[in-house]
Amino acid sequence: MPKIKLKEQALYPFQYATSLKIRDINYGNHLSNDAVVGLLHEARIHMLQQLECSELNLGDSKTGIMIADLVVNYKKQGYLGDEIIIYLNINEISKRSFRVFYKIKRGDELIVLAETGIVTYNYQAESIAKIPELFLSRLKKYHETQK
């Protein structure tokens, strides 16, 4: 069966640590696919907070984000109580979109690789919008502080 094969990024400057809870586990006794989507969402919110932004405000009080696509590659199973770190990177930035790259690890083990395509969106005007310069400058500043 053909599938989209994701590759690890060279850098993941953002990190979000959590543990797998009972709500994250399916009947097969491992990490469920719907929980992965929720964990990615939680990590993305945390990343945006580090940039003093949110999903509804990328710094200009009117531009937010909308998920355009999601790809997930499962590498290993996750289990109840696992301490995981979700690593994130923003890349492939254009005028009105960018991609967020994720990897979920348990210690040294890679559990998941994922990507979301993000479109910047003005919810008041109900239209795709340009990425705010303030967001881009905060992202650049964050990268500089992580070197």
Foldseek 3Di string as FASTA:
>chain_A
DDDDDDDDDPDQLAKDKDWDAPVQADPVQWGDPVVVVVVVQVSVQVVCVLLVAGQQGLPPNFKHKDWDDKGKDFDDTHHHGQIKMKTWDWDPDDFFWIKIWIWIDRVPRTGMTMMTIIGIAGPVVGGTHTRDPSNVVSNVVSVVVSD
